[in-house]
Amino acid sequence: MSIQEQLRADLKTAMRERDERRKTTIRMALAALKNAQVAKNAELSPQDELVVLGKEIKQLKDSIVEFERG
């Protein structure tokens, strides 16, 4: 099972449980993966998926730090 498939399954679970925070986070991750896939114009390898998700995590952490400073 690829990372995208696992995220889609987790999204369904979050929707059933009405967990808004988890649902929003998973949707952001899926959107980032989809954007990377469109930019590459091919399927992403598992390593590519991890790189994209790593960038998203770093970006979110940086945003949290900046928000706390402000």
N, C-alpha and C. Protein backbone atom coordinates (compact mmCIF):
# COMPACT_ATOMS: atom_id res chain seq x y z
N MET A 1 0.85 -1.18 0.00
CA MET A 1 0.00 0.00 0.00
C MET A 1 0.90 1.24 0.00
N SER A 2 0.66 2.13 -0.94
CA SER A 2 1.46 3.35 -1.03
C SER A 2 1.04 4.35 0.05
N ILE A 3 1.83 5.37 0.19
CA ILE A 3 1.53 6.40 1.19
C ILE A 3 0.21 7.10 0.85
N GLN A 4 0.00 7.37 -0.43
CA GLN A 4 -1.24 8.04 -0.84
C GLN A 4 -2.46 7.17 -0.53
N GLU A 5 -2.36 5.87 -0.78
CA GLU A 5 -3.48 4.97 -0.48
C GLU A 5 -3.76 4.93 1.01
N GLN A 6 -2.69 4.90 1.81
CA GLN A 6 -2.85 4.89 3.26
C GLN A 6 -3.49 6.19 3.74
N LEU A 7 -3.07 7.31 3.16
CA LEU A 7 -3.66 8.59 3.54
C LEU A 7 -5.14 8.66 3.18
N ARG A 8 -5.49 8.12 2.02
CA ARG A 8 -6.91 8.11 1.63
C ARG A 8 -7.74 7.27 2.60
N ALA A 9 -7.20 6.13 3.01
CA ALA A 9 -7.90 5.28 3.99
C ALA A 9 -8.03 6.01 5.33
N ASP A 10 -6.96 6.69 5.74
CA ASP A 10 -7.00 7.46 6.99
C ASP A 10 -7.98 8.62 6.89
N LEU A 11 -8.10 9.21 5.71
CA LEU A 11 -9.06 10.30 5.51
C LEU A 11 -10.48 9.80 5.70
N LYS A 12 -10.78 8.65 5.15
CA LYS A 12 -12.12 8.08 5.32
C LYS A 12 -12.43 7.83 6.79
N THR A 13 -11.44 7.32 7.51
CA THR A 13 -11.63 7.07 8.94
C THR A 13 -11.86 8.38 9.69
N ALA A 14 -11.08 9.39 9.38
CA ALA A 14 -11.22 10.70 10.04
C ALA A 14 -12.59 11.30 9.73
N MET A 15 -13.07 11.11 8.52
CA MET A 15 -14.38 11.65 8.16
C MET A 15 -15.48 10.93 8.93
N ARG A 16 -15.36 9.61 9.08
CA ARG A 16 -16.36 8.86 9.84
C ARG A 16 -16.36 9.27 11.30
N GLU A 17 -15.18 9.54 11.84
CA GLU A 17 -15.06 9.92 13.24
C GLU A 17 -15.29 11.41 13.48
N ARG A 18 -15.49 12.16 12.40
CA ARG A 18 -15.71 13.61 12.47
C ARG A 18 -14.56 14.33 13.15
N ASP A 19 -13.34 13.90 12.83
CA ASP A 19 -12.13 14.50 13.38
C ASP A 19 -11.64 15.55 12.39
N GLU A 20 -12.04 16.79 12.61
CA GLU A 20 -11.76 17.87 11.66
C GLU A 20 -10.27 18.16 11.52
N ARG A 21 -9.53 18.17 12.61
CA ARG A 21 -8.10 18.49 12.54
C ARG A 21 -7.36 17.44 11.72
N ARG A 22 -7.63 16.17 11.99
CA ARG A 22 -6.97 15.10 11.25
C ARG A 22 -7.37 15.13 9.78
N LYS A 23 -8.65 15.37 9.53
CA LYS A 23 -9.16 15.42 8.16
C LYS A 23 -8.48 16.53 7.37
N THR A 24 -8.35 17.70 7.96
CA THR A 24 -7.72 18.84 7.29
C THR A 24 -6.25 18.57 7.01
N THR A 25 -5.56 17.99 7.99
CA THR A 25 -4.14 17.69 7.84
C THR A 25 -3.90 16.68 6.73
N ILE A 26 -4.70 15.64 6.70
CA ILE A 26 -4.55 14.61 5.67
C ILE A 26 -4.86 15.19 4.29
N ARG A 27 -5.85 16.03 4.21
CA ARG A 27 -6.18 16.65 2.92
C ARG A 27 -5.04 17.54 2.43
N MET A 28 -4.38 18.26 3.34
CA MET A 28 -3.23 19.08 2.94
C MET A 28 -2.11 18.20 2.40
N ALA A 29 -1.87 17.08 3.07
CA ALA A 29 -0.82 16.17 2.62
C ALA A 29 -1.16 15.58 1.26
N LEU A 30 -2.39 15.17 1.06
CA LEU A 30 -2.80 14.62 -0.23
C LEU A 30 -2.71 15.66 -1.34
N ALA A 31 -3.06 16.90 -1.02
CA ALA A 31 -2.96 17.97 -2.02
C ALA A 31 -1.51 18.23 -2.40
N ALA A 32 -0.61 18.21 -1.43
CA ALA A 32 0.81 18.41 -1.71
C ALA A 32 1.35 17.28 -2.59
N LEU A 33 0.94 16.06 -2.29
CA LEU A 33 1.38 14.92 -3.11
C LEU A 33 0.82 15.02 -4.53
N LYS A 34 -0.43 15.42 -4.65
CA LYS A 34 -1.04 15.56 -5.97
C LYS A 34 -0.35 16.66 -6.77
N ASN A 35 -0.05 17.79 -6.14
CA ASN A 35 0.64 18.88 -6.82
C ASN A 35 2.02 18.45 -7.30
N ALA A 36 2.73 17.70 -6.48
CA ALA A 36 4.05 17.20 -6.87
C ALA A 36 3.94 16.22 -8.03
N GLN A 37 2.90 15.41 -7.99
CA GLN A 37 2.69 14.44 -9.07
C GLN A 37 2.39 15.16 -10.38
N VAL A 38 1.59 16.19 -10.34
CA VAL A 38 1.27 16.96 -11.53
C VAL A 38 2.51 17.69 -12.05
N ALA A 39 3.30 18.24 -11.13
CA ALA A 39 4.51 18.94 -11.54
C ALA A 39 5.52 17.99 -12.19
N LYS A 40 5.60 16.80 -11.66
CA LYS A 40 6.54 15.81 -12.21
C LYS A 40 5.98 15.17 -13.48
N ASN A 41 4.67 15.21 -13.63
CA ASN A 41 3.98 14.63 -14.78
C ASN A 41 4.18 13.11 -14.85
N ALA A 42 4.26 12.49 -13.67
CA ALA A 42 4.41 11.05 -13.57
C ALA A 42 4.05 10.62 -12.15
N GLU A 43 3.90 9.32 -11.96
CA GLU A 43 3.65 8.81 -10.62
C GLU A 43 4.86 9.06 -9.73
N LEU A 44 4.60 9.31 -8.46
CA LEU A 44 5.68 9.53 -7.51
C LEU A 44 6.15 8.21 -6.93
N SER A 45 7.44 8.08 -6.77
CA SER A 45 7.99 6.90 -6.11
C SER A 45 7.79 7.07 -4.60
N PRO A 46 7.90 6.00 -3.83
CA PRO A 46 7.78 6.16 -2.38
C PRO A 46 8.80 7.15 -1.80
N GLN A 47 9.99 7.19 -2.38
CA GLN A 47 10.99 8.14 -1.90
C GLN A 47 10.56 9.58 -2.22
N ASP A 48 9.99 9.79 -3.40
CA ASP A 48 9.49 11.12 -3.76
C ASP A 48 8.37 11.55 -2.83
N GLU A 49 7.49 10.62 -2.48
CA GLU A 49 6.39 10.94 -1.58
C GLU A 49 6.93 11.37 -0.22
N LEU A 50 7.94 10.67 0.27
CA LEU A 50 8.53 11.03 1.56
C LEU A 50 9.20 12.39 1.52
N VAL A 51 9.84 12.71 0.40
CA VAL A 51 10.49 14.02 0.26
C VAL A 51 9.43 15.13 0.29
N VAL A 52 8.35 14.94 -0.44
CA VAL A 52 7.28 15.94 -0.49
C VAL A 52 6.67 16.12 0.91
N LEU A 53 6.39 15.03 1.59
CA LEU A 53 5.80 15.13 2.93
C LEU A 53 6.79 15.75 3.92
N GLY A 54 8.07 15.46 3.76
CA GLY A 54 9.09 16.08 4.61
C GLY A 54 9.13 17.59 4.44
N LYS A 55 9.00 18.04 3.20
CA LYS A 55 8.97 19.48 2.94
C LYS A 55 7.74 20.12 3.57
N GLU A 56 6.61 19.44 3.49
CA GLU A 56 5.38 19.97 4.08
C GLU A 56 5.51 20.07 5.60
N ILE A 57 6.10 19.06 6.21
CA ILE A 57 6.30 19.07 7.66
C ILE A 57 7.19 20.23 8.07
N LYS A 58 8.29 20.42 7.34
CA LYS A 58 9.21 21.51 7.65
C LYS A 58 8.52 22.86 7.50
N GLN A 59 7.73 23.00 6.45
CA GLN A 59 7.02 24.25 6.22
C GLN A 59 6.02 24.54 7.34
N LEU A 60 5.30 23.51 7.79
CA LEU A 60 4.34 23.70 8.87
C LEU A 60 5.04 24.05 10.19
N LYS A 61 6.17 23.40 10.47
CA LYS A 61 6.91 23.72 11.68
C LYS A 61 7.42 25.15 11.65
N ASP A 62 7.90 25.59 10.50
CA ASP A 62 8.37 26.97 10.37
C ASP A 62 7.23 27.95 10.57
N SER A 63 6.06 27.61 10.05
CA SER A 63 4.89 28.47 10.22
C SER A 63 4.49 28.58 11.68
N ILE A 64 4.58 27.48 12.40
CA ILE A 64 4.23 27.49 13.84
C ILE A 64 5.20 28.39 14.59
N VAL A 65 6.48 28.28 14.29
CA VAL A 65 7.49 29.10 14.95
C VAL A 65 7.23 30.58 14.68
N GLU A 66 6.97 30.93 13.43
CA GLU A 66 6.71 32.32 13.07
C GLU A 66 5.44 32.83 13.74
N PHE A 67 4.44 32.00 13.83
CA PHE A 67 3.17 32.40 14.48
C PHE A 67 3.41 32.68 15.96
N GLU A 68 4.20 31.82 16.60
CA GLU A 68 4.47 32.01 18.02
C GLU A 68 5.29 33.28 18.29
N ARG A 69 6.17 33.64 17.36
CA ARG A 69 6.94 34.88 17.51
C ARG A 69 6.05 36.10 17.40
N GLY A 70 5.04 36.02 16.53
CA GLY A 70 4.16 37.15 16.28
C GLY A 70 3.11 37.29 17.28
